């Protein structure tokens, strides 16, 4: 009898726990007129909080008078979660500061903790070596990698689309096969012709059809079959009734059928798909082009990472920042404008830049940015407290949030959709069956080359004919 009662008690406890969690897990915003709050019951414990504006981790919405309208982002439910698990109330400092360290513009958010004006620095704060010497960092609630925001690549004219369906080795083997087939047709035909002239069946030669007695005929046949299947009937078994010729011609027809079918099926994907060439694919492509520069937020973790690097690709990026201090921007919008102009890449945490791209898409209605294919440098980020503060309660609360899946849930709720800009091919999915001029540019280039070559050949024949006629006139006059 105790078993059903125990099960009912466990279910009731789970439902109570779920209801208890939803009372603060579903809070995603704090209104600007109520910067004091928290789910703690201890009114004596009031922690002052400063936050780093970094969507989607933390987003501050201000009005024209620079007053806070509301606060959002992942950091808000994290703060509410900690206030419940650690039993404290909080007060958010409304200061408008976008840097952790002190800089030329003034003091950074770290100074609030060091000077005792705040107890928690909340946001996507990365635990660098210099920061760790002054602050304590609990377990991070942001675990990610850096991404590179680059200009949206445009579809370029692909002149080589005609040759791309086959690899270079296949084209070489194709030319060699065509040459071998022409020589075989001509050689066998020439041997049969000579044999018929010297045999007793010479009178019946007219009934055997026309042979490939010259290399031009074999060339015309081989090219005719591979370029147009309509010539198969004209160039197949009707040309020569000899079994040897028919077998060789049939073999070439089968090979051409396979090659032409494979080429046509692959060619359509090249001529209908846009030719997007991104500025870079990874951070390691930046040194390959001296015109490409990075841009970072002044005093943020990418700036500190590159500026303090002693070797490798990070030192190269740090040298760029030292040579051109203007590559550091005060606000994210400045960095994105620099990227919009081209030849620049903005470095920041992947989910952050993805949100920035989504916000710009909502604002402008078009994709001006995308993210390079390869991410780099894994790290953790979150909140920071004073060096003498015990971080175990913070770590325990954050680990519980991770274990329950709340952190991932909060990120999904605060992310802005930017999938349209991250996958440029999606925009042309509906038009994939339409062949564009850019896709067929290679065919028109080949046609123009052939026309120019034919005009040159015609001019050459005219010149040769004029010279020959003048020479003949001289011979006649001399006679």
Protein backbone atom coordinates (compact mmCIF):
# COMPACT_ATOMS: atom_id res chain seq x y z
CA UNK A 1 0.00 0.00 0.00
CA UNK A 2 2.92 2.28 0.61
CA UNK A 3 4.03 2.07 -3.02
CA UNK A 4 1.07 4.01 -4.56
CA UNK A 5 1.28 6.60 -1.78
CA UNK A 6 5.02 7.02 -2.37
CA UNK A 7 4.49 7.42 -6.11
CA UNK A 8 1.77 10.00 -5.55
CA UNK A 9 4.02 11.91 -3.16
CA UNK A 10 6.88 11.95 -5.69
CA UNK A 11 4.56 13.14 -8.47
CA UNK A 12 3.14 15.85 -6.23
CA UNK A 13 6.66 16.96 -5.28
CA UNK A 14 7.69 17.10 -8.95
CA UNK A 15 4.61 19.12 -9.91
CA UNK A 16 5.23 21.50 -7.03
CA UNK A 17 8.86 21.90 -8.09
CA UNK A 18 7.87 22.56 -11.71
CA UNK A 19 5.28 25.14 -10.66
CA UNK A 20 7.79 26.72 -8.33
CA UNK A 21 10.34 26.99 -11.16
CA UNK A 22 7.88 28.48 -13.63
CA UNK A 23 7.17 31.38 -11.32
CA UNK A 24 10.56 32.84 -12.20
CA UNK A 25 11.83 30.86 -15.19
CA UNK A 26 9.23 32.52 -17.42
CA UNK A 27 10.25 36.07 -16.44
CA UNK A 28 12.35 37.41 -19.29
CA UNK A 29 12.15 41.17 -18.87
CA UNK A 30 12.49 43.82 -16.20
CA UNK A 31 10.70 47.13 -16.71
CA UNK A 32 12.73 50.30 -16.46
CA UNK A 33 10.56 51.73 -13.69
CA UNK A 34 11.22 48.71 -11.46
CA UNK A 35 14.97 48.07 -11.32
CA UNK A 36 14.66 46.64 -7.83
CA UNK A 37 13.32 43.15 -7.41
CA UNK A 38 14.10 39.50 -6.88
CA UNK A 39 12.41 36.39 -5.51
CA UNK A 40 14.43 36.29 -2.31
CA UNK A 41 12.61 36.50 1.00
CA UNK A 42 15.51 38.10 2.87
CA UNK A 43 14.85 41.82 2.61
CA UNK A 44 18.11 42.56 4.39
CA UNK A 45 20.24 41.17 1.54
CA UNK A 46 20.26 43.63 -1.35
CA UNK A 47 22.91 43.08 -4.02
CA UNK A 48 23.73 45.87 -6.47
CA UNK A 49 24.16 44.66 -10.03
CA UNK A 50 25.86 46.23 -13.05
CA UNK A 51 25.24 44.67 -16.44
CA UNK A 52 27.17 44.59 -19.70
CA UNK A 53 25.00 45.38 -22.73
CA UNK A 54 25.60 42.41 -25.04
CA UNK A 55 22.57 40.93 -26.87
CA UNK A 56 21.31 38.24 -26.48
CA UNK A 57 23.06 37.90 -23.09
CA UNK A 58 21.82 41.27 -21.91
CA UNK A 59 19.83 43.87 -23.81
CA UNK A 60 19.08 47.41 -22.63
CA UNK A 61 16.27 49.36 -24.32
CA UNK A 62 16.47 53.11 -23.72
CA UNK A 63 14.29 56.00 -24.87
CA UNK A 64 15.40 59.23 -26.52
CA UNK A 65 16.25 60.68 -23.10
CA UNK A 66 18.60 57.74 -22.43
CA UNK A 67 16.34 56.40 -19.68
CA UNK A 68 15.89 52.64 -19.41
CA UNK A 69 12.56 51.37 -20.71
CA UNK A 70 13.17 47.67 -20.13
CA UNK A 71 15.92 45.11 -19.63
CA UNK A 72 15.98 41.78 -21.44
CA UNK A 73 18.26 38.95 -22.48
CA UNK A 74 19.49 35.75 -20.89
CA UNK A 75 21.06 37.61 -17.96
CA UNK A 76 17.63 38.68 -16.64
CA UNK A 77 16.23 35.18 -15.94
CA UNK A 78 19.70 34.15 -14.70
CA UNK A 79 19.61 36.97 -12.16
CA UNK A 80 16.06 36.07 -11.11
CA UNK A 81 17.05 32.43 -10.81
CA UNK A 82 20.01 33.25 -8.57
CA UNK A 83 17.92 35.59 -6.45
CA UNK A 84 15.61 32.68 -5.67
CA UNK A 85 18.22 29.97 -5.17
CA UNK A 86 20.50 32.26 -3.10
CA UNK A 87 17.66 34.16 -1.40
CA UNK A 88 18.57 37.76 -2.14
CA UNK A 89 17.02 40.85 -3.66
CA UNK A 90 18.82 43.03 -6.17
CA UNK A 91 19.04 46.55 -7.52
CA UNK A 92 20.25 47.15 -11.08
CA UNK A 93 22.51 50.14 -11.63
CA UNK A 94 21.19 52.14 -14.62
CA UNK A 95 24.58 53.46 -15.78
CA UNK A 96 25.26 53.44 -19.51
CA UNK A 97 28.73 51.84 -19.75
CA UNK A 98 29.81 49.43 -22.50
CA UNK A 99 33.27 48.42 -21.32
CA UNK A 100 34.52 46.14 -18.57
CA UNK A 101 37.97 47.72 -18.11
CA UNK A 102 38.77 51.38 -17.73
CA UNK A 103 39.58 53.18 -20.97
CA UNK A 104 39.98 56.65 -22.43
CA UNK A 105 36.21 57.20 -22.25
CA UNK A 106 36.17 56.65 -18.49
CA UNK A 107 35.84 53.94 -15.89
CA UNK A 108 34.60 50.50 -16.86
CA UNK A 109 32.09 48.22 -15.17
CA UNK A 110 34.87 46.43 -13.28
CA UNK A 111 35.47 49.57 -11.24
CA UNK A 112 32.02 49.20 -9.65
CA UNK A 113 33.12 45.90 -8.10
CA UNK A 114 36.62 47.03 -7.16
CA UNK A 115 35.38 50.25 -5.51
CA UNK A 116 32.51 48.54 -3.67
CA UNK A 117 29.73 50.30 -5.55
CA UNK A 118 28.26 46.99 -6.79
CA UNK A 119 28.42 43.33 -5.82
CA UNK A 120 27.71 41.57 -9.16
CA UNK A 121 28.94 42.24 -12.68
CA UNK A 122 26.50 40.33 -14.89
CA UNK A 123 26.74 39.73 -18.62
CA UNK A 124 28.94 37.92 -21.08
CA UNK A 125 32.12 38.64 -19.10
CA UNK A 126 35.01 36.39 -20.16
CA UNK A 127 37.47 35.38 -17.45
CA UNK A 128 40.75 36.63 -18.95
CA UNK A 129 44.00 36.45 -17.00
CA UNK A 130 44.03 40.17 -16.16
CA UNK A 131 40.42 40.08 -14.99
CA UNK A 132 40.91 36.93 -12.95
CA UNK A 133 43.60 38.67 -10.91
CA UNK A 134 41.03 41.23 -9.71
CA UNK A 135 37.67 39.40 -9.77
CA UNK A 136 36.17 36.02 -8.96
CA UNK A 137 34.29 34.10 -11.67
CA UNK A 138 31.66 31.44 -10.86
CA UNK A 139 30.71 28.73 -13.35
CA UNK A 140 29.78 30.45 -16.66
CA UNK A 141 26.29 30.42 -18.10
CA UNK A 142 27.59 31.35 -21.58
CA UNK A 143 29.69 28.65 -23.24
CA UNK A 144 30.51 29.44 -26.83
CA UNK A 145 33.01 30.34 -29.53
CA UNK A 146 33.99 33.46 -31.40
CA UNK A 147 32.45 34.10 -34.81
CA UNK A 148 33.41 36.45 -37.63
CA UNK A 149 30.77 38.77 -39.10
CA UNK A 150 31.59 39.44 -42.76
CA UNK A 151 29.77 41.26 -45.58
CA UNK A 152 27.10 39.25 -47.35
CA UNK A 153 28.73 37.85 -50.50
CA UNK A 154 27.04 38.58 -53.82
CA UNK A 155 26.48 36.06 -56.58
CA UNK A 156 29.28 36.43 -59.11
CA UNK A 157 29.41 35.47 -62.78
CA UNK A 158 30.73 31.92 -62.99
CA UNK A 159 32.52 31.67 -66.33
CA UNK A 160 33.87 28.22 -65.47
CA UNK A 161 30.44 26.66 -64.87
CA UNK A 162 30.64 24.86 -68.26
CA UNK A 163 33.78 23.00 -67.21
CA UNK A 164 32.97 22.35 -63.53
CA UNK A 165 30.75 19.22 -63.91
CA UNK A 166 33.85 17.16 -64.76
CA UNK A 167 37.18 17.14 -62.99
CA UNK A 168 40.31 17.95 -64.94
CA UNK A 169 41.28 14.26 -65.12
CA UNK A 170 37.98 13.39 -66.79
CA UNK A 171 38.45 16.08 -69.44
CA UNK A 172 41.96 14.76 -70.14
CA UNK A 173 40.72 11.18 -70.47
CA UNK A 174 37.83 12.38 -72.64
CA UNK A 175 40.15 14.13 -75.09
CA UNK A 176 42.44 11.09 -75.13
CA UNK A 177 39.47 8.77 -75.75
CA UNK A 178 38.19 10.91 -78.60
CA UNK A 179 41.63 10.97 -80.19
CA UNK A 180 42.02 7.19 -79.83
CA UNK A 181 38.55 6.56 -81.28
CA UNK A 182 39.23 8.80 -84.30
CA UNK A 183 42.54 7.09 -84.99
CA UNK A 184 41.00 3.63 -84.66
CA UNK A 185 38.11 4.48 -87.00
CA UNK A 186 40.46 5.95 -89.56
CA UNK A 187 43.05 3.16 -89.24
CA UNK A 188 40.55 0.30 -89.52
CA UNK A 189 38.71 2.00 -92.39
CA UNK A 190 41.96 2.66 -94.22
CA UNK A 191 43.04 -0.98 -93.77
CA UNK A 192 39.66 -2.26 -95.01
CA UNK A 193 39.82 0.08 -98.01
CA UNK A 194 43.28 -1.13 -99.00
CA UNK A 195 42.22 -4.73 -98.48
CA UNK A 196 39.16 -4.30 -100.70
CA UNK A 197 41.20 -2.75 -103.48
CA UNK A 198 43.46 -5.79 -103.63
CA UNK A 199 40.82 -8.48 -103.12
CA UNK A 200 38.51 -10.29 -105.45
CA UNK A 201 35.55 -8.57 -103.75
CA UNK A 202 36.55 -5.17 -105.09
CA UNK A 203 33.41 -5.00 -107.26
CA UNK A 204 31.19 -5.35 -104.18
CA UNK A 205 32.84 -2.47 -102.28
CA UNK A 206 30.06 -0.04 -103.19
CA UNK A 207 27.56 -2.15 -101.27
CA UNK A 208 29.54 -1.87 -98.01
CA UNK A 209 28.85 1.80 -97.39
CA UNK A 210 31.22 4.73 -97.13
CA UNK A 211 34.33 4.09 -95.05
CA UNK A 212 36.27 6.54 -92.83
CA UNK A 213 38.92 6.87 -95.53
CA UNK A 214 40.12 10.26 -94.22
CA UNK A 215 40.81 11.51 -90.72
CA UNK A 216 38.36 14.40 -91.23
CA UNK A 217 35.45 11.99 -91.56
CA UNK A 218 36.39 10.20 -88.36
CA UNK A 219 36.80 13.54 -86.56
CA UNK A 220 33.37 14.71 -87.73
CA UNK A 221 31.73 11.50 -86.61
CA UNK A 222 33.33 11.40 -83.14
CA UNK A 223 32.51 15.03 -82.40
CA UNK A 224 29.05 14.74 -83.92
CA UNK A 225 28.07 11.89 -81.63
CA UNK A 226 29.28 13.50 -78.40
CA UNK A 227 27.88 16.94 -79.22
CA UNK A 228 24.46 15.89 -80.50
CA UNK A 229 22.61 12.61 -79.99
CA UNK A 230 20.62 13.43 -83.11
CA UNK A 231 23.63 12.45 -85.19
CA UNK A 232 23.66 8.92 -83.84
CA UNK A 233 21.39 7.62 -86.58
CA UNK A 234 23.44 9.32 -89.29
CA UNK A 235 26.82 8.36 -87.87
CA UNK A 236 26.06 4.93 -86.46
CA UNK A 237 25.68 1.65 -88.29
CA UNK A 238 24.38 3.30 -91.49
CA UNK A 239 27.83 4.70 -92.26
CA UNK A 240 29.61 1.39 -92.56
CA UNK A 241 28.25 -2.14 -92.67
CA UNK A 242 31.47 -3.78 -91.50
CA UNK A 243 31.08 -5.50 -88.14
CA UNK A 244 34.37 -4.10 -86.83
CA UNK A 245 33.34 -0.53 -87.57
CA UNK A 246 29.85 -1.07 -86.17
CA UNK A 247 31.20 -2.47 -82.88
CA UNK A 248 33.66 0.40 -82.48
CA UNK A 249 31.04 3.04 -83.35
CA UNK A 250 28.48 1.42 -81.03
CA UNK A 251 30.96 1.39 -78.17
CA UNK A 252 31.65 5.09 -78.69
CA UNK A 253 27.91 5.83 -78.78
CA UNK A 254 27.36 4.04 -75.45
CA UNK A 255 30.27 5.90 -73.85
CA UNK A 256 28.95 9.22 -75.17
CA UNK A 257 25.48 8.48 -73.84
CA UNK A 258 26.86 7.93 -70.31
CA UNK A 259 29.16 10.97 -70.46
CA UNK A 260 26.53 13.35 -71.87
CA UNK A 261 23.89 12.20 -69.37
CA UNK A 262 26.28 12.62 -66.43
CA UNK A 263 27.45 16.01 -67.68
CA UNK A 264 23.93 17.34 -68.24
CA UNK A 265 22.63 16.21 -64.86
CA UNK A 266 25.51 17.85 -62.99
CA UNK A 267 25.65 20.97 -65.17
CA UNK A 268 22.14 22.07 -64.18
CA UNK A 269 23.20 22.39 -60.52
CA UNK A 270 26.07 24.70 -61.49
CA UNK A 271 24.11 26.95 -63.84
CA UNK A 272 21.11 27.36 -61.50
CA UNK A 273 22.97 27.79 -58.19
CA UNK A 274 24.41 31.23 -57.35
CA UNK A 275 28.17 31.51 -57.11
CA UNK A 276 28.72 32.91 -53.62
CA UNK A 277 32.32 33.61 -52.61
CA UNK A 278 32.60 34.81 -49.00
CA UNK A 279 35.26 37.30 -47.96
CA UNK A 280 36.85 34.69 -45.67
CA UNK A 281 35.95 31.25 -44.38
CA UNK A 282 37.97 31.24 -41.17
CA UNK A 283 40.20 33.46 -39.07
CA UNK A 284 43.23 31.86 -40.72
CA UNK A 285 42.25 33.39 -44.08
CA UNK A 286 42.82 36.94 -42.78
CA UNK A 287 46.65 36.93 -43.11
CA UNK A 288 46.32 35.74 -46.70
CA UNK A 289 44.80 39.08 -47.73
CA UNK A 290 46.40 42.21 -46.35
CA UNK A 291 43.31 44.27 -47.21
CA UNK A 292 41.12 42.39 -44.72
CA UNK A 293 41.00 43.98 -41.26
CA UNK A 294 39.27 42.90 -38.07
CA UNK A 295 37.16 45.18 -35.90
CA UNK A 296 36.37 44.61 -32.22
CA UNK A 297 34.64 46.34 -29.33
CA UNK A 298 37.13 48.39 -27.34
CA UNK A 299 38.09 46.66 -24.10
CA UNK A 300 36.01 43.53 -24.70
CA UNK A 301 37.40 39.99 -24.60
CA UNK A 302 38.43 39.74 -28.31
CA UNK A 303 40.37 42.99 -27.94
CA UNK A 304 42.16 41.72 -24.82
CA UNK A 305 42.77 38.29 -26.35
CA UNK A 306 44.44 39.64 -29.48
CA UNK A 307 46.28 42.51 -27.79
CA UNK A 308 47.93 40.20 -25.23
CA UNK A 309 48.83 37.38 -27.63
CA UNK A 310 52.54 36.62 -28.10
CA UNK A 311 52.42 34.34 -31.15
CA UNK A 312 50.30 32.85 -33.88
CA UNK A 313 47.26 34.21 -35.63
CA UNK A 314 46.09 36.10 -32.52
CA UNK A 315 49.35 38.09 -32.43
CA UNK A 316 48.84 38.99 -36.10
CA UNK A 317 45.36 40.30 -35.29
CA UNK A 318 46.73 42.15 -32.27
CA UNK A 319 49.32 43.82 -34.50
CA UNK A 320 46.47 45.06 -36.71
CA UNK A 321 44.79 46.64 -33.69
CA UNK A 322 48.02 48.26 -32.53
CA UNK A 323 48.81 49.70 -35.96
CA UNK A 324 45.25 50.97 -36.49
CA UNK A 325 43.57 51.84 -33.16
CA UNK A 326 40.49 53.00 -35.07
CA UNK A 327 39.64 49.33 -35.65
CA UNK A 328 38.36 49.34 -32.07
CA UNK A 329 34.81 50.65 -31.84
CA UNK A 330 32.95 52.10 -28.87
CA UNK A 331 29.59 50.49 -29.70
CA UNK A 332 28.67 47.46 -31.77
CA UNK A 333 26.86 49.53 -34.39
CA UNK A 334 30.16 51.19 -35.35
CA UNK A 335 31.77 47.79 -35.90
CA UNK A 336 28.88 46.61 -38.07
CA UNK A 337 29.00 49.77 -40.18
CA UNK A 338 32.68 49.16 -40.81
CA UNK A 339 31.86 45.61 -41.92
CA UNK A 340 29.04 46.90 -44.15
CA UNK A 341 31.56 48.97 -46.10
CA UNK A 342 33.53 45.82 -46.94
CA UNK A 343 36.98 44.29 -46.27
CA UNK A 344 36.38 44.07 -42.50
CA UNK A 345 35.39 41.25 -40.13
CA UNK A 346 33.78 41.82 -36.73
CA UNK A 347 34.80 39.40 -33.96
CA UNK A 348 32.44 38.46 -31.13
CA UNK A 349 30.71 35.48 -29.52
CA UNK A 350 28.72 33.44 -32.07
CA UNK A 351 25.24 33.80 -30.56
CA UNK A 352 25.88 37.50 -30.01
CA UNK A 353 26.81 38.20 -33.63
CA UNK A 354 23.95 35.99 -34.80
CA UNK A 355 21.55 38.15 -32.80
CA UNK A 356 23.16 41.34 -34.13
CA UNK A 357 22.64 40.11 -37.68
CA UNK A 358 19.02 39.25 -36.89
CA UNK A 359 18.39 42.70 -35.41
CA UNK A 360 19.91 44.38 -38.46
CA UNK A 361 17.74 42.19 -40.72
CA UNK A 362 14.60 43.30 -38.85
CA UNK A 363 15.69 46.91 -39.10
CA UNK A 364 16.73 47.05 -42.77
CA UNK A 365 14.75 44.16 -44.25
CA UNK A 366 17.81 42.79 -46.07
CA UNK A 367 20.88 40.71 -45.31
CA UNK A 368 24.01 42.83 -45.27
CA UNK A 369 25.98 40.43 -43.05
CA UNK A 370 26.68 36.76 -42.61
CA UNK A 371 29.03 34.67 -40.44
CA UNK A 372 32.22 32.98 -41.64
CA UNK A 373 31.96 29.21 -41.81
CA UNK A 374 34.50 28.30 -39.13
CA UNK A 375 34.24 29.41 -35.48
CA UNK A 376 37.27 29.61 -33.20
CA UNK A 377 38.46 29.86 -29.59
CA UNK A 378 36.03 28.18 -27.20
CA UNK A 379 35.46 30.00 -23.92
CA UNK A 380 33.07 30.50 -21.01
CA UNK A 381 31.53 33.78 -19.88
CA UNK A 382 29.04 34.93 -17.29
CA UNK A 383 29.10 36.97 -14.10
CA UNK A 384 31.90 38.26 -11.88
CA UNK A 385 32.07 39.20 -8.21
CA UNK A 386 34.67 40.65 -5.86
CA UNK A 387 37.79 38.63 -5.19
CA UNK A 388 36.90 37.98 -1.54
CA UNK A 389 33.36 36.72 -2.26
CA UNK A 390 32.56 33.01 -2.03
CA UNK A 391 31.50 31.84 -5.50
CA UNK A 392 30.19 28.40 -4.46
CA UNK A 393 26.52 29.50 -4.08
CA UNK A 394 26.63 31.18 -7.51
CA UNK A 395 28.23 28.13 -9.10
CA UNK A 396 25.74 25.77 -7.48
CA UNK A 397 22.79 27.82 -8.74
CA UNK A 398 24.15 28.12 -12.27
CA UNK A 399 24.91 24.39 -12.47
CA UNK A 400 21.31 23.65 -11.47
CA UNK A 401 20.07 25.96 -14.24
CA UNK A 402 22.30 24.20 -16.78
CA UNK A 403 21.26 20.76 -15.57
CA UNK A 404 17.56 21.60 -15.83
CA UNK A 405 18.02 22.95 -19.37
CA UNK A 406 16.88 26.44 -18.43
CA UNK A 407 19.96 28.22 -19.84
CA UNK A 408 19.42 26.74 -23.30
CA UNK A 409 15.74 27.57 -23.03
CA UNK A 410 16.51 31.20 -22.12
CA UNK A 411 18.90 31.54 -25.04
CA UNK A 412 16.33 30.20 -27.49
CA UNK A 413 13.75 32.66 -26.21
CA UNK A 414 16.12 35.63 -26.62
CA UNK A 415 17.75 34.76 -29.93
CA UNK A 416 16.69 36.72 -33.02
CA UNK A 417 16.21 34.64 -36.15
CA UNK A 418 19.01 35.24 -38.65
CA UNK A 419 18.90 31.95 -40.55
CA UNK A 420 18.06 33.75 -43.79
CA UNK A 421 21.37 35.62 -43.67
CA UNK A 422 23.41 32.65 -42.45
CA UNK A 423 22.31 30.53 -45.43
CA UNK A 424 22.27 32.70 -48.58
CA UNK A 425 21.24 29.69 -50.70
CA UNK A 426 17.84 29.66 -48.97
CA UNK A 427 16.87 32.93 -50.64
CA UNK A 428 17.19 31.38 -54.08
CA UNK A 429 15.60 28.03 -53.22
CA UNK A 430 12.31 29.05 -54.82
CA UNK A 431 14.11 30.12 -58.01
CA UNK A 432 16.40 27.11 -58.21
CA UNK A 433 14.86 25.84 -61.45
CA UNK A 434 15.44 29.14 -63.25
CA UNK A 435 18.65 29.36 -65.25
CA UNK A 436 20.31 32.76 -64.95
CA UNK A 437 22.65 34.55 -67.32
CA UNK A 438 25.42 34.35 -64.73
CA UNK A 439 25.10 30.56 -64.66
CA UNK A 440 25.31 30.22 -68.45
CA UNK A 441 28.04 32.82 -68.89
CA UNK A 442 30.59 30.07 -69.52
CA UNK A 443 28.58 28.75 -72.47
CA UNK A 444 28.32 32.21 -74.03
CA UNK A 445 32.04 32.80 -73.49
CA UNK A 446 32.79 29.50 -75.26
CA UNK A 447 30.42 30.50 -78.08
CA UNK A 448 32.09 33.91 -78.43
CA UNK A 449 35.50 32.23 -78.53
CA UNK A 450 34.31 29.84 -81.24
CA UNK A 451 32.83 32.68 -83.30
CA UNK A 452 36.04 34.69 -83.01
CA UNK A 453 38.09 31.65 -84.01
CA UNK A 454 35.86 30.97 -87.01
CA UNK A 455 36.18 34.61 -88.15
CA UNK A 456 39.97 34.36 -87.88
CA UNK A 457 39.95 31.13 -89.87
CA UNK A 458 37.75 32.74 -92.50
CA UNK A 459 40.08 35.73 -92.78
CA UNK A 460 43.02 33.36 -93.06
CA UNK A 461 41.35 31.40 -95.87
CA UNK A 462 40.57 34.64 -97.73
CA UNK A 463 44.17 35.79 -97.42
CA UNK A 464 45.51 32.42 -98.55
CA UNK A 465 43.11 32.41 -101.50
CA UNK A 466 44.18 35.93 -102.54
CA UNK A 467 47.85 34.98 -102.33
CA UNK A 468 47.25 31.76 -104.28
CA UNK A 469 45.33 33.56 -107.03
CA UNK A 470 48.05 36.21 -107.37
CA UNK A 471 50.70 33.50 -107.64
CA UNK A 472 48.71 31.68 -110.31
CA UNK A 473 48.37 34.90 -112.33
CA UNK A 474 52.12 35.38 -112.21
CA UNK A 475 52.70 31.84 -113.46
CA UNK A 476 50.26 32.34 -116.32
CA UNK A 477 51.87 35.64 -117.33
CA UNK A 478 55.33 34.09 -117.20
CA UNK A 479 54.22 31.31 -119.50
